[in-house]
């Protein structure tokens, strides 16, 4: 999957409290469609992992331990 630049709309808002900011963020998230949520998630993952997320892929190793009770 190739990396693409995403169009961003930036707006700045001032809030009088953290609670007010949290309420606004919850309203913003509730208004997003499923596709918009996935797109936002992909942008955040690409910022965190860079090429490892978009081009290289991530290899996960799972280790399972089973306890037997006597």
PDB file of N, CA and C in Angstrom:
ATOM      1  N   UNK A   1       0.845  -1.161   0.000  1.00  0.00           N
ATOM      2  CA  UNK A   1       0.000   0.000   0.000  1.00  0.00           C
ATOM      3  C   UNK A   1       0.894   1.228   0.000  1.00  0.00           C
ATOM      4  N   UNK A   2       0.720   2.103  -0.924  1.00  0.00           N
ATOM      5  CA  UNK A   2       1.563   3.282  -1.039  1.00  0.00           C
ATOM      6  C   UNK A   2       1.062   4.392  -0.128  1.00  0.00           C
ATOM      7  N   UNK A   3       1.995   5.172   0.348  1.00  0.00           N
ATOM      8  CA  UNK A   3       1.655   6.294   1.213  1.00  0.00           C
ATOM      9  C   UNK A   3       1.106   7.441   0.378  1.00  0.00           C
ATOM     10  N   UNK A   4       0.067   8.067   0.866  1.00  0.00           N
ATOM     11  CA  UNK A   4      -0.495   9.222   0.173  1.00  0.00           C
ATOM     12  C   UNK A   4      -0.602  10.372   1.155  1.00  0.00           C
ATOM     13  N   UNK A   5      -0.535  11.581   0.616  1.00  0.00           N
ATOM     14  CA  UNK A   5      -0.727  12.763   1.449  1.00  0.00           C
ATOM     15  C   UNK A   5      -2.225  12.980   1.608  1.00  0.00           C
ATOM     16  N   UNK A   6      -2.621  13.349   2.801  1.00  0.00           N
ATOM     17  CA  UNK A   6      -4.022  13.548   3.093  1.00  0.00           C
ATOM     18  C   UNK A   6      -4.315  15.043   3.153  1.00  0.00           C
ATOM     19  N   UNK A   7      -5.450  15.445   2.589  1.00  0.00           N
ATOM     20  CA  UNK A   7      -5.869  16.828   2.708  1.00  0.00           C
ATOM     21  C   UNK A   7      -6.337  17.059   4.126  1.00  0.00           C
ATOM     22  N   UNK A   8      -5.863  18.128   4.724  1.00  0.00           N
ATOM     23  CA  UNK A   8      -6.223  18.421   6.098  1.00  0.00           C
ATOM     24  C   UNK A   8      -6.963  19.742   6.173  1.00  0.00           C
ATOM     25  N   UNK A   9      -7.958  19.763   7.013  1.00  0.00           N
ATOM     26  CA  UNK A   9      -8.656  20.997   7.322  1.00  0.00           C
ATOM     27  C   UNK A   9      -8.314  21.314   8.762  1.00  0.00           C
ATOM     28  N   UNK A  10      -7.650  22.431   8.971  1.00  0.00           N
ATOM     29  CA  UNK A  10      -7.191  22.785  10.309  1.00  0.00           C
ATOM     30  C   UNK A  10      -8.026  23.947  10.827  1.00  0.00           C
ATOM     31  N   UNK A  11      -8.540  23.775  12.026  1.00  0.00           N
ATOM     32  CA  UNK A  11      -9.239  24.880  12.682  1.00  0.00           C
ATOM     33  C   UNK A  11      -8.751  24.954  14.120  1.00  0.00           C
ATOM     34  N   UNK A  12      -8.712  26.140  14.650  1.00  0.00           N
ATOM     35  CA  UNK A  12      -8.245  26.355  16.009  1.00  0.00           C
ATOM     36  C   UNK A  12      -9.411  26.878  16.830  1.00  0.00           C
ATOM     37  N   UNK A  13      -9.645  26.230  17.965  1.00  0.00           N
ATOM     38  CA  UNK A  13     -10.708  26.653  18.864  1.00  0.00           C
ATOM     39  C   UNK A  13     -10.128  26.809  20.261  1.00  0.00           C
ATOM     40  N   UNK A  14     -10.664  27.745  21.002  1.00  0.00           N
ATOM     41  CA  UNK A  14     -10.239  27.948  22.387  1.00  0.00           C
ATOM     42  C   UNK A  14     -11.363  27.495  23.305  1.00  0.00           C
ATOM     43  N   UNK A  15     -10.990  26.767  24.345  1.00  0.00           N
ATOM     44  CA  UNK A  15     -11.968  26.266  25.296  1.00  0.00           C
ATOM     45  C   UNK A  15     -11.624  26.795  26.685  1.00  0.00           C
ATOM     46  N   UNK A  16     -12.643  26.975  27.487  1.00  0.00           N
ATOM     47  CA  UNK A  16     -12.421  27.509  28.831  1.00  0.00           C
ATOM     48  C   UNK A  16     -12.047  26.425  29.837  1.00  0.00           C
ATOM     49  N   UNK A  17     -12.235  25.151  29.449  1.00  0.00           N
ATOM     50  CA  UNK A  17     -11.889  24.060  30.363  1.00  0.00           C
ATOM     51  C   UNK A  17     -11.620  22.785  29.567  1.00  0.00           C
ATOM     52  N   UNK A  18     -10.971  21.835  30.234  1.00  0.00           N
ATOM     53  CA  UNK A  18     -10.742  20.538  29.603  1.00  0.00           C
ATOM     54  C   UNK A  18     -12.063  19.810  29.377  1.00  0.00           C
ATOM     55  N   UNK A  19     -12.995  19.978  30.295  1.00  0.00           N
ATOM     56  CA  UNK A  19     -14.297  19.333  30.159  1.00  0.00           C
ATOM     57  C   UNK A  19     -15.026  19.817  28.914  1.00  0.00           C
ATOM     58  N   UNK A  20     -14.956  21.131  28.672  1.00  0.00           N
ATOM     59  CA  UNK A  20     -15.599  21.686  27.478  1.00  0.00           C
ATOM     60  C   UNK A  20     -14.944  21.141  26.206  1.00  0.00           C
ATOM     61  N   UNK A  21     -13.624  21.042  26.214  1.00  0.00           N
ATOM     62  CA  UNK A  21     -12.909  20.487  25.055  1.00  0.00           C
ATOM     63  C   UNK A  21     -13.283  19.030  24.848  1.00  0.00           C
ATOM     64  N   UNK A  22     -13.379  18.258  25.925  1.00  0.00           N
ATOM     65  CA  UNK A  22     -13.757  16.848  25.819  1.00  0.00           C
ATOM     66  C   UNK A  22     -15.154  16.685  25.235  1.00  0.00           C
ATOM     67  N   UNK A  23     -16.105  17.519  25.679  1.00  0.00           N
ATOM     68  CA  UNK A  23     -17.466  17.449  25.133  1.00  0.00           C
ATOM     69  C   UNK A  23     -17.468  17.745  23.637  1.00  0.00           C
ATOM     70  N   UNK A  24     -16.710  18.749  23.224  1.00  0.00           N
ATOM     71  CA  UNK A  24     -16.639  19.094  21.802  1.00  0.00           C
ATOM     72  C   UNK A  24     -16.006  17.959  20.991  1.00  0.00           C
ATOM     73  N   UNK A  25     -14.966  17.340  21.528  1.00  0.00           N
ATOM     74  CA  UNK A  25     -14.319  16.218  20.827  1.00  0.00           C
ATOM     75  C   UNK A  25     -15.276  15.037  20.697  1.00  0.00           C
ATOM     76  N   UNK A  26     -16.055  14.758  21.728  1.00  0.00           N
ATOM     77  CA  UNK A  26     -17.040  13.674  21.655  1.00  0.00           C
ATOM     78  C   UNK A  26     -18.112  13.976  20.607  1.00  0.00           C
ATOM     79  N   UNK A  27     -18.541  15.227  20.524  1.00  0.00           N
ATOM     80  CA  UNK A  27     -19.515  15.611  19.486  1.00  0.00           C
ATOM     81  C   UNK A  27     -18.916  15.456  18.092  1.00  0.00           C
ATOM     82  N   UNK A  28     -17.647  15.864  17.947  1.00  0.00           N
ATOM     83  CA  UNK A  28     -16.978  15.739  16.640  1.00  0.00           C
ATOM     84  C   UNK A  28     -16.867  14.280  16.224  1.00  0.00           C
ATOM     85  N   UNK A  29     -16.448  13.432  17.151  1.00  0.00           N
ATOM     86  CA  UNK A  29     -16.310  12.003  16.842  1.00  0.00           C
ATOM     87  C   UNK A  29     -17.657  11.358  16.523  1.00  0.00           C
ATOM     88  N   UNK A  30     -18.706  11.761  17.232  1.00  0.00           N
ATOM     89  CA  UNK A  30     -20.034  11.194  16.995  1.00  0.00           C
ATOM     90  C   UNK A  30     -20.561  11.572  15.615  1.00  0.00           C
ATOM     91  N   UNK A  31     -20.121  12.703  15.086  1.00  0.00           N
ATOM     92  CA  UNK A  31     -20.605  13.164  13.782  1.00  0.00           C
ATOM     93  C   UNK A  31     -19.866  12.515  12.612  1.00  0.00           C
ATOM     94  N   UNK A  32     -18.748  11.813  12.883  1.00  0.00           N
ATOM     95  CA  UNK A  32     -17.965  11.197  11.806  1.00  0.00           C
ATOM     96  C   UNK A  32     -18.664   9.950  11.264  1.00  0.00           C
ATOM     97  N   UNK A  33     -18.508   9.730   9.964  1.00  0.00           N
ATOM     98  CA  UNK A  33     -18.985   8.485   9.369  1.00  0.00           C
ATOM     99  C   UNK A  33     -17.944   7.400   9.629  1.00  0.00           C
ATOM    100  N   UNK A  34     -18.295   6.162   9.371  1.00  0.00           N
ATOM    101  CA  UNK A  34     -17.345   5.051   9.556  1.00  0.00           C
ATOM    102  C   UNK A  34     -16.104   5.250   8.692  1.00  0.00           C
ATOM    103  N   UNK A  35     -16.309   5.706   7.469  1.00  0.00           N
ATOM    104  CA  UNK A  35     -15.179   5.924   6.561  1.00  0.00           C
ATOM    105  C   UNK A  35     -14.266   7.029   7.084  1.00  0.00           C
ATOM    106  N   UNK A  36     -14.835   8.096   7.617  1.00  0.00           N
ATOM    107  CA  UNK A  36     -14.031   9.179   8.173  1.00  0.00           C
ATOM    108  C   UNK A  36     -13.248   8.711   9.392  1.00  0.00           C
ATOM    109  N   UNK A  37     -13.864   7.877  10.222  1.00  0.00           N
ATOM    110  CA  UNK A  37     -13.164   7.345  11.400  1.00  0.00           C
ATOM    111  C   UNK A  37     -11.987   6.463  10.974  1.00  0.00           C
ATOM    112  N   UNK A  38     -12.204   5.610   9.984  1.00  0.00           N
ATOM    113  CA  UNK A  38     -11.119   4.750   9.504  1.00  0.00           C
ATOM    114  C   UNK A  38      -9.994   5.575   8.893  1.00  0.00           C
ATOM    115  N   UNK A  39     -10.357   6.622   8.159  1.00  0.00           N
ATOM    116  CA  UNK A  39      -9.354   7.488   7.552  1.00  0.00           C
ATOM    117  C   UNK A  39      -8.534   8.189   8.631  1.00  0.00           C
ATOM    118  N   UNK A  40      -9.194   8.680   9.667  1.00  0.00           N
ATOM    119  CA  UNK A  40      -8.491   9.333  10.766  1.00  0.00           C
ATOM    120  C   UNK A  40      -7.560   8.345  11.471  1.00  0.00           C
ATOM    121  N   UNK A  41      -8.034   7.124  11.681  1.00  0.00           N
ATOM    122  CA  UNK A  41      -7.210   6.091  12.300  1.00  0.00           C
ATOM    123  C   UNK A  41      -5.978   5.793  11.444  1.00  0.00           C
ATOM    124  N   UNK A  42      -6.168   5.686  10.126  1.00  0.00           N
ATOM    125  CA  UNK A  42      -5.046   5.396   9.222  1.00  0.00           C
ATOM    126  C   UNK A  42      -4.011   6.512   9.249  1.00  0.00           C
ATOM    127  N   UNK A  43      -4.461   7.751   9.330  1.00  0.00           N
ATOM    128  CA  UNK A  43      -3.529   8.882   9.387  1.00  0.00           C
ATOM    129  C   UNK A  43      -2.708   8.818  10.672  1.00  0.00           C
ATOM    130  N   UNK A  44      -3.362   8.530  11.792  1.00  0.00           N
ATOM    131  CA  UNK A  44      -2.641   8.445  13.061  1.00  0.00           C
ATOM    132  C   UNK A  44      -1.651   7.286  13.064  1.00  0.00           C
ATOM    133  N   UNK A  45      -2.048   6.146  12.511  1.00  0.00           N
ATOM    134  CA  UNK A  45      -1.135   4.997  12.447  1.00  0.00           C
ATOM    135  C   UNK A  45       0.054   5.292  11.559  1.00  0.00           C
ATOM    136  N   UNK A  46      -0.173   5.981  10.442  1.00  0.00           N
ATOM    137  CA  UNK A  46       0.933   6.309   9.546  1.00  0.00           C
ATOM    138  C   UNK A  46       1.903   7.272  10.230  1.00  0.00           C
ATOM    139  N   UNK A  47       1.378   8.212  11.001  1.00  0.00           N
ATOM    140  CA  UNK A  47       2.255   9.127  11.752  1.00  0.00           C
ATOM    141  C   UNK A  47       3.095   8.365  12.760  1.00  0.00           C
ATOM    142  N   UNK A  48       2.495   7.390  13.410  1.00  0.00           N
ATOM    143  CA  UNK A  48       3.199   6.626  14.436  1.00  0.00           C
ATOM    144  C   UNK A  48       4.217   5.668  13.833  1.00  0.00           C
ATOM    145  N   UNK A  49       3.835   4.909  12.826  1.00  0.00           N
ATOM    146  CA  UNK A  49       4.669   3.833  12.295  1.00  0.00           C
ATOM    147  C   UNK A  49       5.387   4.184  11.004  1.00  0.00           C
ATOM    148  N   UNK A  50       4.972   5.223  10.282  1.00  0.00           N
ATOM    149  CA  UNK A  50       5.623   5.610   9.034  1.00  0.00           C
ATOM    150  C   UNK A  50       5.531   4.505   7.989  1.00  0.00           C
ATOM    151  N   UNK A  51       6.648   4.219   7.318  1.00  0.00           N
ATOM    152  CA  UNK A  51       6.663   3.205   6.264  1.00  0.00           C
ATOM    153  C   UNK A  51       6.324   1.814   6.786  1.00  0.00           C
ATOM    154  N   UNK A  52       6.616   1.565   8.041  1.00  0.00           N
ATOM    155  CA  UNK A  52       6.301   0.243   8.589  1.00  0.00           C
ATOM    156  C   UNK A  52       4.798  -0.020   8.537  1.00  0.00           C
ATOM    157  N   UNK A  53       3.989   1.044   8.608  1.00  0.00           N
ATOM    158  CA  UNK A  53       2.539   0.876   8.570  1.00  0.00           C
ATOM    159  C   UNK A  53       2.022   0.789   7.144  1.00  0.00           C
ATOM    160  N   UNK A  54       2.527   1.619   6.231  1.00  0.00           N
ATOM    161  CA  UNK A  54       1.954   1.705   4.891  1.00  0.00           C
ATOM    162  C   UNK A  54       2.628   0.811   3.859  1.00  0.00           C
ATOM    163  N   UNK A  55       3.929   0.542   4.016  1.00  0.00           N
ATOM    164  CA  UNK A  55       4.631  -0.200   2.969  1.00  0.00           C
ATOM    165  C   UNK A  55       5.229  -1.513   3.452  1.00  0.00           C
ATOM    166  N   UNK A  56       5.869  -1.514   4.593  1.00  0.00           N
ATOM    167  CA  UNK A  56       6.595  -2.693   5.048  1.00  0.00           C
ATOM    168  C   UNK A  56       5.691  -3.743   5.686  1.00  0.00           C
ATOM    169  N   UNK A  57       4.617  -3.291   6.268  1.00  0.00           N
ATOM    170  CA  UNK A  57       3.773  -4.237   6.991  1.00  0.00           C
ATOM    171  C   UNK A  57       4.322  -4.486   8.385  1.00  0.00           C
ATOM    172  N   UNK A  58       3.506  -5.004   9.236  1.00  0.00           N
ATOM    173  CA  UNK A  58       3.903  -5.255  10.609  1.00  0.00           C
ATOM    174  C   UNK A  58       3.766  -6.753  10.870  1.00  0.00           C
ATOM    175  N   UNK A  59       4.819  -7.356  11.391  1.00  0.00           N
ATOM    176  CA  UNK A  59       4.793  -8.767  11.724  1.00  0.00           C
ATOM    177  C   UNK A  59       4.537  -8.879  13.222  1.00  0.00           C
ATOM    178  N   UNK A  60       3.508  -9.610  13.571  1.00  0.00           N
ATOM    179  CA  UNK A  60       3.176  -9.785  14.982  1.00  0.00           C
ATOM    180  C   UNK A  60       3.546 -11.202  15.401  1.00  0.00           C
ATOM    181  N   UNK A  61       4.169 -11.303  16.549  1.00  0.00           N
ATOM    182  CA  UNK A  61       4.520 -12.594  17.107  1.00  0.00           C
ATOM    183  C   UNK A  61       3.647 -12.830  18.327  1.00  0.00           C
ATOM    184  N   UNK A  62       3.025 -13.978  18.353  1.00  0.00           N
ATOM    185  CA  UNK A  62       2.138 -14.311  19.462  1.00  0.00           C
ATOM    186  C   UNK A  62       2.731 -15.477  20.226  1.00  0.00           C
ATOM    187  N   UNK A  63       2.726 -15.354  21.525  1.00  0.00           N
ATOM    188  CA  UNK A  63       3.203 -16.427  22.383  1.00  0.00           C
ATOM    189  C   UNK A  63       2.064 -16.802  23.316  1.00  0.00           C
ATOM    190  N   UNK A  64       1.691 -18.035  23.307  1.00  0.00           N
ATOM    191  CA  UNK A  64       0.595 -18.513  24.142  1.00  0.00           C
ATOM    192  C   UNK A  64       1.155 -19.467  25.181  1.00  0.00           C
ATOM    193  N   UNK A  65       0.809 -19.204  26.419  1.00  0.00           N
ATOM    194  CA  UNK A  65       1.213 -20.098  27.498  1.00  0.00           C
ATOM    195  C   UNK A  65      -0.042 -20.709  28.090  1.00  0.00           C
ATOM    196  N   UNK A  66       0.017 -22.009  28.305  1.00  0.00           N
ATOM    197  CA  UNK A  66      -1.124 -22.712  28.868  1.00  0.00           C
ATOM    198  C   UNK A  66      -0.718 -23.303  30.207  1.00  0.00           C
ATOM    199  N   UNK A  67      -1.475 -22.951  31.210  1.00  0.00           N
ATOM    200  CA  UNK A  67      -1.200 -23.491  32.533  1.00  0.00           C
ATOM    201  C   UNK A  67      -2.091 -24.706  32.781  1.00  0.00           C
ATOM    202  N   UNK A  68      -1.497 -25.727  33.291  1.00  0.00           N
ATOM    203  CA  UNK A  68      -2.282 -26.911  33.639  1.00  0.00           C
ATOM    204  C   UNK A  68      -2.348 -27.013  35.147  1.00  0.00           C
ATOM    205  N   UNK A  69      -3.552 -27.121  35.644  1.00  0.00           N
ATOM    206  CA  UNK A  69      -3.751 -27.221  37.086  1.00  0.00           C
ATOM    207  C   UNK A  69      -3.741 -28.699  37.474  1.00  0.00           C
ATOM    208  N   UNK A  70      -2.994 -28.990  38.483  1.00  0.00           N
ATOM    209  CA  UNK A  70      -2.898 -30.382  38.953  1.00  0.00           C
ATOM    210  C   UNK A  70      -3.894 -30.675  40.024  1.00  0.00           C
TER     211      UNK A  70
END
